[in-house]
Amino acid sequence: MSGYHVYVIELHRKVFNENRKFREANPQFNGMLECLYVGMTSRTPRERMEQHLTGARSKKGQDLSSAIVKKYGTFLRPSLYSHISPLRTREEALKAEKDLATQLRRQRYAVWFG
């Protein structure tokens, strides 16, 4: 698998009540759908999720995980991203990540990305 992949991780619903920034970023959320994290990676989505959950660090010691995913991540949601083919450039992947997050928010999911 080469290129960049967009992926979606379902978050535990507690994130909405416990994280003020997450709640403020999702005023459209009605509590019926799931809380999600949308990201992009040059690895497989499974490898990237493992990095988030284990708090992986780069060779220079930089934290590679999202604090929200590390604390609230539950599992991958391929049904929400499998329609997106691998992308050739990082810029294309960042745009696709933002577009998917925006689309999911319009559907009233609570979404964190970036």
Protein backbone atom coordinates (compact mmCIF):
# COMPACT_ATOMS: atom_id res chain seq x y z
CA MET A 1 0.00 0.00 0.00
CA SER A 2 1.62 3.22 -1.09
CA GLY A 3 0.57 6.82 -0.85
CA TYR A 4 -1.55 8.43 1.84
CA HIS A 5 -4.70 7.08 3.43
CA VAL A 6 -7.60 8.83 5.12
CA TYR A 7 -9.04 6.90 8.07
CA VAL A 8 -11.77 7.19 10.72
CA ILE A 9 -11.57 6.02 14.33
CA GLU A 10 -14.64 5.82 16.51
CA LEU A 11 -14.19 7.54 19.86
CA HIS A 12 -15.84 6.62 23.14
CA ARG A 13 -18.86 8.84 23.67
CA LYS A 14 -17.35 10.12 26.96
CA VAL A 15 -15.16 12.45 24.87
CA PHE A 16 -18.17 14.70 24.21
CA ASN A 17 -18.85 15.26 27.91
CA GLU A 18 -15.26 15.28 29.14
CA ASN A 19 -13.49 17.37 26.49
CA ARG A 20 -14.65 21.00 26.21
CA LYS A 21 -12.78 21.70 22.95
CA PHE A 22 -14.30 18.62 21.31
CA ARG A 23 -17.78 19.65 22.46
CA GLU A 24 -17.33 23.25 21.25
CA ALA A 25 -16.11 22.03 17.84
CA ASN A 26 -19.32 20.02 17.38
CA PRO A 27 -22.39 22.15 18.14
CA GLN A 28 -24.32 20.19 15.48
CA PHE A 29 -24.02 16.92 17.44
CA ASN A 30 -27.37 15.63 18.70
CA GLY A 31 -26.09 12.61 20.65
CA MET A 32 -27.59 10.07 18.26
CA LEU A 33 -24.57 9.25 16.08
CA GLU A 34 -20.98 8.45 17.07
CA CYS A 35 -18.00 10.58 18.01
CA LEU A 36 -15.22 10.21 15.44
CA TYR A 37 -11.61 11.12 14.70
CA VAL A 38 -10.61 11.63 11.05
CA GLY A 39 -6.94 11.48 10.14
CA MET A 40 -4.55 10.81 7.29
CA THR A 41 -1.39 8.72 7.20
CA SER A 42 1.32 7.29 4.98
CA ARG A 43 0.95 4.02 6.93
CA THR A 44 -2.01 1.67 6.90
CA PRO A 45 -4.98 2.87 8.98
CA ARG A 46 -4.45 -0.10 11.34
CA GLU A 47 -0.78 0.80 11.89
CA ARG A 48 -1.67 4.44 12.47
CA MET A 49 -4.36 3.60 15.01
CA GLU A 50 -1.84 1.44 16.88
CA GLN A 51 0.53 4.44 16.99
CA HIS A 52 -2.22 6.57 18.52
CA LEU A 53 -3.19 4.00 21.13
CA THR A 54 0.35 3.17 22.22
CA GLY A 55 1.60 6.76 22.31
CA ALA A 56 4.29 6.04 19.70
CA ARG A 57 7.18 8.47 19.38
CA SER A 58 9.33 9.43 16.41
CA LYS A 59 13.07 8.76 16.36
CA LYS A 60 13.51 12.34 17.59
CA GLY A 61 11.15 11.69 20.52
CA GLN A 62 8.14 13.59 19.15
CA ASP A 63 4.74 12.21 20.18
CA LEU A 64 2.99 10.78 17.11
CA SER A 65 -0.37 10.20 18.76
CA SER A 66 -3.46 12.34 19.10
CA ALA A 67 -4.30 12.79 22.79
CA ILE A 68 -8.00 12.40 21.98
CA VAL A 69 -7.49 9.09 20.16
CA LYS A 70 -5.06 7.84 22.80
CA LYS A 71 -7.63 8.44 25.55
CA TYR A 72 -10.93 7.76 23.74
CA GLY A 73 -10.15 5.71 20.60
CA THR A 74 -12.09 2.46 20.29
CA PHE A 75 -11.85 1.02 16.76
CA LEU A 76 -11.48 1.83 13.06
CA ARG A 77 -14.61 2.58 11.01
CA PRO A 78 -13.63 1.46 7.46
CA SER A 79 -17.24 1.80 6.25
CA LEU A 80 -16.80 5.57 6.60
CA TYR A 81 -13.51 5.84 4.66
CA SER A 82 -13.01 2.78 2.43
CA HIS A 83 -14.50 4.65 -0.55
CA ILE A 84 -11.47 6.99 -0.54
CA SER A 85 -8.62 5.59 -2.63
CA PRO A 86 -5.01 6.10 -1.52
CA LEU A 87 -3.83 9.60 -2.41
CA ARG A 88 -0.52 10.46 -4.04
CA THR A 89 0.48 13.54 -2.08
CA ARG A 90 0.28 14.75 1.51
CA GLU A 91 -1.58 17.86 0.34
CA GLU A 92 -4.27 15.75 -1.38
CA ALA A 93 -4.61 13.65 1.78
CA LEU A 94 -4.94 16.70 4.04
CA LYS A 95 -7.69 18.08 1.79
CA ALA A 96 -9.49 14.71 1.72
CA GLU A 97 -9.21 14.48 5.53
CA LYS A 98 -10.81 17.91 5.97
CA ASP A 99 -13.48 17.20 3.33
CA LEU A 100 -14.47 13.91 4.99
CA ALA A 101 -14.56 15.49 8.46
CA THR A 102 -16.78 18.29 7.15
CA GLN A 103 -19.07 15.82 5.40
CA LEU A 104 -19.42 13.71 8.56
CA ARG A 105 -20.19 16.81 10.66
CA ARG A 106 -22.93 17.74 8.18
CA GLN A 107 -24.38 14.27 8.82
CA ARG A 108 -24.38 15.21 12.55
CA TYR A 109 -21.51 13.06 13.73
CA ALA A 110 -19.22 14.67 16.31
CA VAL A 111 -15.81 14.87 14.59
CA TRP A 112 -12.24 15.76 15.56
CA PHE A 113 -9.55 15.97 12.87
CA GLY A 114 -6.14 17.36 12.10
